Protein backbone atom coordinates (compact mmCIF):
# COMPACT_ATOMS: atom_id res chain seq x y z
CA MET A 1 157.83 136.78 101.09
CA ALA A 2 155.83 139.22 103.22
CA VAL A 3 153.96 140.37 100.13
CA VAL A 4 153.08 136.76 99.21
CA LEU A 5 151.82 136.03 102.74
CA THR A 6 149.77 139.22 102.72
CA VAL A 7 148.20 138.31 99.38
CA LEU A 8 147.50 134.77 100.65
CA VAL A 9 145.88 136.05 103.85
CA LEU A 10 143.76 138.51 101.89
CA PHE A 11 142.72 135.74 99.49
CA LEU A 12 141.75 133.40 102.32
CA ALA A 13 139.90 136.20 104.10
CA GLY A 14 138.00 137.05 100.94
CA PHE A 15 137.24 133.38 100.30
CA LEU A 16 135.93 132.86 103.83
CA ALA A 17 133.89 136.04 103.63
CA GLY A 18 132.41 134.84 100.37
CA CYS A 19 131.59 131.47 101.91
CA ILE A 20 129.90 133.15 104.87
CA LEU A 21 127.88 135.38 102.55
CA LEU A 22 126.92 132.33 100.48
CA VAL A 23 125.77 130.46 103.58
CA MET A 24 123.84 133.46 104.89
CA GLY A 25 122.29 134.03 101.48
CA ALA A 26 121.16 130.40 101.27
CA ILE A 27 119.69 130.54 104.77
CA ASN A 28 117.85 133.77 103.98
CA PHE A 29 116.57 132.32 100.69
CA ASP A 30 115.32 129.14 102.34
CA PHE A 31 113.78 131.15 105.18
CA SER A 32 111.88 133.35 102.75
CA ASN A 33 110.61 130.26 100.91
CA SER A 34 109.85 128.18 103.99
CA GLU A 35 106.98 128.16 106.42
CA ILE A 36 106.58 126.43 109.75
CA PRO A 37 102.83 126.15 110.39
CA PRO A 38 101.48 127.12 113.83
CA GLY A 39 100.31 123.53 114.37
CA VAL A 40 103.89 122.22 114.56
CA ASN A 41 104.98 121.47 118.12
CA GLN A 42 108.28 123.14 119.13
CA PRO A 43 108.79 125.12 115.87
CA ALA A 44 112.15 126.52 117.00
CA LYS A 45 113.63 123.02 117.01
CA LEU A 46 112.42 122.37 113.48
CA ARG A 47 113.93 125.68 112.38
CA ILE A 48 117.29 124.73 113.92
CA ILE A 49 117.30 121.34 112.15
CA HIS A 50 116.41 123.11 108.91
CA ILE A 51 119.31 125.57 109.32
CA ILE A 52 121.73 122.71 109.98
CA LEU A 53 120.61 120.98 106.77
CA ILE A 54 120.92 124.21 104.76
CA CYS A 55 124.44 124.89 106.08
CA THR A 56 125.53 121.33 105.33
CA ALA A 57 124.25 121.61 101.76
CA VAL A 58 125.93 124.99 101.20
CA VAL A 59 129.29 123.87 102.55
CA GLY A 60 129.00 120.82 100.31
CA LYS A 61 128.38 123.09 97.32
CA ILE A 62 131.43 125.19 98.19
CA LEU A 63 133.59 122.07 98.42
CA GLU A 64 132.21 120.89 95.09
CA ASN A 65 133.00 124.24 93.43
CA ILE A 66 136.63 124.12 94.57
CA GLY A 67 137.00 120.51 93.45
CA ILE A 68 137.36 118.73 96.81
CA CYS A 69 134.24 116.51 96.65
CA THR A 70 130.70 116.54 95.35
CA GLN A 71 127.93 118.15 97.35
CA VAL A 72 126.02 114.85 97.49
CA ASN A 73 128.99 112.95 98.90
CA PHE A 74 129.67 115.63 101.52
CA VAL A 75 126.06 115.61 102.72
CA ARG A 76 126.11 111.80 102.85
CA TYR A 77 129.32 111.90 104.86
CA MET A 78 127.93 114.40 107.36
CA GLN A 79 124.69 112.46 107.77
CA GLY A 80 126.39 109.14 108.39
CA ARG A 81 129.47 110.14 110.34
CA LYS A 82 128.09 109.26 113.80
CA THR A 83 128.80 105.68 114.76
CA GLN A 84 127.17 103.86 117.65
CA GLY A 85 129.04 101.63 120.06
CA ALA A 86 128.09 98.09 121.01
CA ASP A 87 124.56 97.49 122.24
CA PRO A 88 124.24 95.40 125.44
CA LYS A 89 120.92 93.94 124.28
CA LEU A 90 121.68 93.25 120.61
CA PHE A 91 123.97 91.27 118.35
CA ILE A 92 124.75 93.55 115.40
CA LYS A 93 126.49 92.29 112.28
CA ASP A 94 127.17 93.60 108.77
CA LEU A 95 126.62 91.06 106.00
CA TRP A 96 125.85 90.84 102.29
CA PHE A 97 122.58 89.46 100.95
CA GLU A 98 122.88 88.79 97.21
CA LYS A 99 125.59 91.47 96.80
CA VAL A 100 123.51 93.94 98.84
CA PRO A 101 125.01 95.25 102.13
CA VAL A 102 122.76 94.68 105.14
CA ARG A 103 123.03 95.17 108.88
CA ILE A 104 121.29 92.63 111.11
CA TYR A 105 120.10 93.37 114.63
CA GLN A 106 119.30 90.31 116.76
CA PRO A 107 118.16 90.42 120.41
CA LYS A 108 120.63 88.70 122.74
CA ALA A 109 118.01 87.47 125.19
CA PRO A 110 116.93 83.88 124.48
CA SER A 111 113.48 83.40 123.03
CA ALA A 112 111.15 80.47 123.65
CA SER A 113 109.74 80.80 120.14
CA GLN A 114 110.76 82.08 116.74
CA ARG A 115 111.01 85.85 116.49
CA ARG A 116 109.41 88.40 114.21
CA GLY A 117 111.46 89.55 111.24
CA VAL A 118 111.60 93.15 109.96
CA MET A 119 113.08 94.14 106.62
CA PHE A 120 113.85 97.85 106.96
CA PHE A 121 114.46 100.23 104.04
CA HIS A 122 115.76 103.67 105.01
CA GLY A 123 114.49 106.99 103.68
CA GLY A 124 116.45 109.83 102.11
CA GLY A 125 114.85 110.47 98.73
CA TRP A 126 116.71 107.53 97.13
CA VAL A 127 119.73 109.91 97.14
CA PHE A 128 120.68 110.09 100.82
CA GLY A 129 120.36 107.83 103.84
CA SER A 130 122.37 104.76 104.81
CA LEU A 131 122.72 102.00 107.37
CA GLU A 132 124.24 104.63 109.69
CA THR A 133 121.53 107.28 109.37
CA HIS A 134 118.86 104.86 110.62
CA GLU A 135 121.03 102.96 113.09
CA LYS A 136 119.31 104.31 116.21
CA LEU A 137 115.87 103.61 114.80
CA CYS A 138 116.68 100.03 113.80
CA ARG A 139 118.23 99.33 117.21
CA PHE A 140 115.13 100.72 118.89
CA ILE A 141 112.80 98.55 116.79
CA ALA A 142 114.86 95.41 117.44
CA ARG A 143 115.04 96.03 121.20
CA GLU A 144 111.48 97.16 121.85
CA SER A 145 109.72 94.60 119.66
CA GLU A 146 112.27 91.81 120.27
CA SER A 147 112.49 91.33 116.51
CA VAL A 148 115.28 90.47 114.12
CA VAL A 149 115.75 93.62 112.04
CA VAL A 150 117.54 93.64 108.69
CA SER A 151 118.48 97.14 107.51
CA VAL A 152 119.23 97.28 103.78
CA GLY A 153 121.99 99.51 102.35
CA TYR A 154 120.59 99.74 98.83
CA ARG A 155 122.33 101.60 96.02
CA LEU A 156 121.64 105.33 95.81
CA ALA A 157 120.80 107.77 93.02
CA PRO A 158 121.93 109.61 90.99
CA GLU A 159 124.84 107.17 90.55
CA HIS A 160 122.43 104.23 90.48
CA LYS A 161 119.13 104.96 88.80
CA TYR A 162 115.78 103.20 89.05
CA PRO A 163 115.28 100.27 89.45
CA ALA A 164 118.58 99.75 91.32
CA ALA A 165 117.26 100.60 94.81
CA TYR A 166 114.10 98.55 94.28
CA GLU A 167 116.07 95.55 92.99
CA ASP A 168 118.45 95.66 95.96
CA CYS A 169 115.57 95.75 98.45
CA LEU A 170 113.74 92.95 96.65
CA ASN A 171 116.82 90.74 96.37
CA ALA A 172 117.75 91.26 100.04
CA THR A 173 114.19 90.47 101.13
CA GLN A 174 114.01 87.31 99.03
CA HIS A 175 117.36 86.14 100.44
CA PHE A 176 116.13 86.71 104.00
CA LEU A 177 112.87 84.85 103.32
CA GLN A 178 114.88 81.89 102.04
CA HIS A 179 117.09 81.74 105.15
CA LEU A 180 114.73 82.60 108.01
CA GLU A 181 115.59 79.50 110.00
CA HIS A 182 119.22 80.62 110.21
CA TYR A 183 118.08 83.74 112.11
CA GLY A 184 115.38 82.08 114.20
CA VAL A 185 112.59 84.03 112.46
CA ASP A 186 109.00 82.81 112.14
CA PRO A 187 108.08 82.56 108.40
CA ALA A 188 104.56 83.73 109.25
CA ARG A 189 105.74 86.94 110.95
CA VAL A 190 107.97 88.82 108.51
CA VAL A 191 107.16 92.45 107.68
CA VAL A 192 108.65 95.05 105.33
CA CYS A 193 109.04 98.56 106.69
CA GLY A 194 110.39 101.88 105.47
CA ASP A 195 110.17 105.64 105.86
CA SER A 196 109.71 108.12 102.99
CA ALA A 197 111.58 106.68 99.98
CA GLY A 198 112.00 103.55 102.08
CA GLY A 199 108.22 103.39 102.39
CA ASN A 200 108.03 103.54 98.59
CA LEU A 201 110.48 100.63 98.37
CA ALA A 202 108.62 98.63 101.02
CA ALA A 203 105.34 99.06 99.10
CA ALA A 204 106.99 98.04 95.82
CA VAL A 205 108.62 94.94 97.35
CA SER A 206 105.34 93.98 99.02
CA GLN A 207 103.51 94.21 95.70
CA THR A 208 106.11 92.09 93.93
CA LEU A 209 105.91 89.33 96.53
CA ALA A 210 102.11 89.47 96.89
CA GLY A 211 101.36 86.82 94.29
CA ARG A 212 104.45 84.66 94.81
CA SER A 213 104.03 81.13 96.12
CA ASP A 214 107.75 80.31 96.29
CA PHE A 215 108.34 82.60 99.30
CA PRO A 216 106.63 82.88 102.69
CA LYS A 217 103.86 85.48 102.54
CA LEU A 218 104.64 88.78 104.22
CA ARG A 219 102.75 89.34 107.46
CA ALA A 220 102.46 93.10 106.95
CA GLN A 221 103.83 96.24 105.35
CA ILE A 222 104.65 99.29 107.47
CA LEU A 223 104.76 102.51 105.46
CA ILE A 224 105.98 105.62 107.26
CA TYR A 225 105.01 108.79 105.31
CA PRO A 226 105.72 107.03 101.99
CA GLY A 227 106.04 108.65 98.58
CA LEU A 228 103.92 106.52 96.26
CA GLN A 229 103.26 108.47 93.04
CA ALA A 230 104.81 111.02 90.69
CA LEU A 231 101.82 111.93 88.53
CA ASP A 232 100.46 114.83 90.57
CA PHE A 233 102.57 117.21 92.63
CA ASN A 234 99.60 119.55 93.11
CA LEU A 235 97.48 117.45 95.46
CA PRO A 236 96.19 119.33 98.55
CA SER A 237 99.14 118.29 100.73
CA TYR A 238 101.63 119.48 98.11
CA GLN A 239 99.92 122.87 97.92
CA GLN A 240 99.48 123.30 101.68
CA ASN A 241 102.96 122.13 102.71
CA ARG A 242 105.03 123.25 99.72
CA GLY A 243 107.44 125.22 101.92
CA VAL A 244 107.32 123.22 105.16
CA PRO A 245 110.66 121.72 106.27
CA LEU A 246 112.08 119.18 106.03
CA LEU A 247 110.77 118.31 102.55
CA PHE A 248 109.78 121.07 100.16
CA ARG A 249 107.50 120.33 97.21
CA GLU A 250 110.29 121.08 94.73
CA ARG A 251 112.70 118.76 96.52
CA ALA A 252 110.20 115.90 96.46
CA ALA A 253 109.99 116.17 92.67
CA PHE A 254 113.76 116.68 92.42
CA TYR A 255 114.49 113.47 94.34
CA VAL A 256 112.17 111.23 92.33
CA LEU A 257 113.69 112.60 89.10
CA GLN A 258 117.17 111.87 90.44
CA TYR A 259 116.04 108.32 91.15
CA LEU A 260 114.44 107.92 87.72
CA ASN A 261 116.94 109.61 85.41
CA GLY A 262 119.93 110.66 87.50
CA ASN A 263 119.10 114.32 86.83
CA ALA A 264 116.27 116.83 87.27
CA THR A 265 116.11 118.36 83.78
CA ASN A 266 112.30 118.12 83.61
CA LEU A 267 111.63 119.47 87.10
CA GLU A 268 109.40 122.36 85.99
CA GLU A 269 107.21 120.15 83.83
CA VAL A 270 106.79 117.65 86.67
CA LEU A 271 105.85 120.39 89.15
CA GLU A 272 103.25 121.99 86.86
CA GLY A 273 101.87 118.62 85.77
CA SER A 274 102.82 118.78 82.09
CA HIS A 275 104.93 115.60 82.14
CA ILE A 276 102.16 113.01 81.67
CA PRO A 277 99.64 112.97 78.77
CA VAL A 278 96.09 113.93 79.72
CA ASP A 279 94.63 110.60 78.59
CA ILE A 280 96.98 108.69 80.90
CA LYS A 281 96.26 111.05 83.80
CA LEU A 282 92.53 110.55 83.27
CA ASN A 283 93.06 106.78 83.21
CA TYR A 284 94.69 106.95 86.66
CA ARG A 285 92.32 109.60 88.03
CA LYS A 286 90.28 106.91 89.78
CA TRP A 287 93.32 106.38 92.04
CA VAL A 288 95.31 109.64 91.92
CA SER A 289 92.83 112.44 92.43
CA PRO A 290 92.07 115.14 95.01
CA ASP A 291 88.49 113.83 94.87
CA ASN A 292 89.69 110.82 96.87
CA ILE A 293 91.11 113.00 99.65
CA PRO A 294 88.68 113.58 102.57
CA GLU A 295 87.40 117.16 102.68
CA LYS A 296 88.86 117.80 106.15
CA PHE A 297 92.32 117.65 104.58
CA LYS A 298 91.47 120.49 102.18
CA VAL A 299 90.39 123.09 104.74
CA ARG A 300 93.90 124.55 105.02
CA GLY A 301 93.62 125.49 101.38
CA TYR A 302 93.38 123.78 98.01
CA LYS A 303 93.06 125.17 94.51
CA PRO A 304 92.08 122.69 91.74
CA ARG A 305 94.46 122.68 88.81
CA VAL A 306 93.65 122.51 85.10
CA LEU A 307 94.94 119.32 83.46
CA LEU A 308 97.90 120.12 81.22
CA ASP A 309 99.09 117.97 78.34
CA CYS A 310 102.73 117.24 77.64
CA THR A 311 105.09 116.85 74.72
CA THR A 312 106.15 113.44 73.48
CA GLU A 313 109.76 114.39 74.22
CA VAL A 314 109.09 115.07 77.91
CA PHE A 315 106.91 112.00 78.41
CA GLU A 316 109.56 109.81 76.81
CA LYS A 317 111.95 110.81 79.60
CA VAL A 318 109.53 110.19 82.49
CA LYS A 319 107.13 107.52 81.18
CA ARG A 320 108.44 105.03 83.75
CA PHE A 321 106.60 107.08 86.38
CA CYS A 322 103.67 104.91 85.31
CA GLU A 323 105.39 101.74 86.51
CA PRO A 324 104.07 100.47 89.87
CA MET A 325 107.55 99.45 91.01
CA LEU A 326 108.41 103.17 90.95
CA CYS A 327 104.93 104.48 91.83
CA PRO A 328 103.13 101.73 93.82
CA LEU A 329 99.88 103.71 93.95
CA LEU A 330 99.37 102.82 90.27
CA ALA A 331 99.32 99.02 90.70
CA ASP A 332 96.32 97.10 89.39
CA ASP A 333 93.56 95.99 91.74
CA THR A 334 94.56 92.39 91.09
CA ILE A 335 97.83 93.12 92.91
CA ILE A 336 96.45 95.47 95.58
CA HIS A 337 93.87 93.02 96.89
CA GLN A 338 96.59 90.41 97.54
CA LEU A 339 98.63 92.73 99.78
CA PRO A 340 99.15 91.93 103.47
CA GLU A 341 97.76 93.84 106.41
CA SER A 342 99.14 97.36 106.34
CA PHE A 343 100.16 100.14 108.68
CA ILE A 344 100.37 103.65 107.18
CA LEU A 345 101.64 106.69 109.03
CA THR A 346 100.96 110.17 107.66
CA CYS A 347 101.89 113.64 108.93
CA GLU A 348 99.66 116.69 108.57
CA TYR A 349 102.51 119.01 107.59
CA ASP A 350 104.06 116.77 104.94
CA VAL A 351 103.85 117.08 101.15
CA LEU A 352 103.59 113.27 100.97
CA ARG A 353 100.55 113.14 103.28
CA ASP A 354 98.08 112.61 100.46
CA ASP A 355 100.11 109.79 98.88
CA GLY A 356 99.51 107.87 102.10
CA LEU A 357 95.82 108.81 102.21
CA LEU A 358 95.27 107.72 98.62
CA TYR A 359 97.01 104.39 99.19
CA LYS A 360 94.99 103.83 102.36
CA LYS A 361 91.80 104.22 100.32
CA ARG A 362 93.04 101.88 97.60
CA LEU A 363 93.93 99.19 100.13
CA GLU A 364 90.63 99.50 101.97
CA ASP A 365 88.65 99.47 98.69
CA ASN A 366 90.36 96.15 97.91
CA GLY A 367 89.59 94.58 101.27
CA VAL A 368 93.05 94.96 102.80
CA ARG A 369 93.06 95.66 106.52
CA VAL A 370 94.73 99.02 107.23
CA THR A 371 95.84 100.59 110.48
CA TRP A 372 96.26 104.31 109.84
CA TYR A 373 97.96 106.69 112.23
CA HIS A 374 97.98 110.42 111.52
CA LEU A 375 100.31 112.80 113.35
CA GLU A 376 98.36 116.06 113.58
CA ASP A 377 101.53 117.99 114.50
CA GLY A 378 103.92 115.85 112.44
CA PHE A 379 106.21 116.88 109.58
CA HIS A 380 108.23 114.91 107.07
CA GLY A 381 111.29 113.23 108.56
CA ILE A 382 110.09 113.47 112.16
CA ILE A 383 110.90 109.84 112.95
CA ASN A 384 114.62 110.48 112.40
CA SER A 385 114.63 112.82 115.41
CA PHE A 386 112.87 110.46 117.83
CA ASN A 387 116.08 110.01 119.82
CA SER A 388 118.08 113.16 119.00
CA ASP A 389 118.45 114.37 122.58
CA TRP A 390 117.40 118.05 122.78
CA LEU A 391 116.31 118.11 119.10
CA SER A 392 113.72 115.35 119.50
CA PHE A 393 109.96 115.82 119.14
CA PRO A 394 107.16 114.18 121.15
CA ALA A 395 105.39 113.17 117.94
CA GLY A 396 108.55 111.44 116.69
CA LYS A 397 108.74 109.36 119.83
């Protein structure tokens, strides 16, 4: 018995030591491949958040290797485990809109007129994020703007591939637009809003509804550092911020491939730009091109890339990247010019910065009014830390 216990203790000790080495190795690897630019305010805080994310991912991988749960499910669980109590200023209720889970936030204070309505789509690379991860943000929006906020719990990749998330967001929005009177919302003051992947979904939903006469027209679209294209991962912002937490260049491509195909088997081709035929890239160059990025955003460094062609086999797997419902930056001018007034937020230290800049130009070229706000010291994901106590950032607030 003593021998068995000794062997068991030694096994557990070795296992724990291995886990610790794995965690430390992952942290060291990510540190060596990451860079926090000097322009970021409070860099130590960003480094701490980055370490927490790395450790969560590594522990999830360990649990996956020993058969307890998948890494994705563990990370999702850790991200959404914090639950908020009741809010003295809001009625909060979980419902289903057309088989899509939603959470509605309604101000308790009586209103003399109909309220604004906000459809909110959370970020998380289409793989992570939930009603819980953006709970604080949605409560804040509902309280401070005295709006009815509908947060949408759309289906996630890789289990549910494109266009599942888009369809859920569209169906939930259409349901809300058909029942505005039930929630005391003004049909002329409904906006769609989202951060990161949620910004992508908000842009896609806005485009779909732009020409529809059977629904109230959206008042505005609010796009918070959105990802809007998957043709070029070598734009200036991708080169300059490739290793800046919290979204590395490789992870941005990884997430959109997870959303498209449920896997990332063509990651290298997407990163080097050999996933789309040259003739198609040239066709979209009027919209997706570093030439459309203001020169001041290239001063931190930019090296033009040679256009690479691709094999038919690779393009066959990713050809839906050319669909506007997946990459809204590629929509025709006939759609773009019908879009509502827009707010776009970009961050200097974000790989997705140039997606926002390119979309801003497209909207303005088509006569759409745009309010653009650029966080000079911002990084991707900063809005999620606006109310994270000692890990919050002034720019996020």
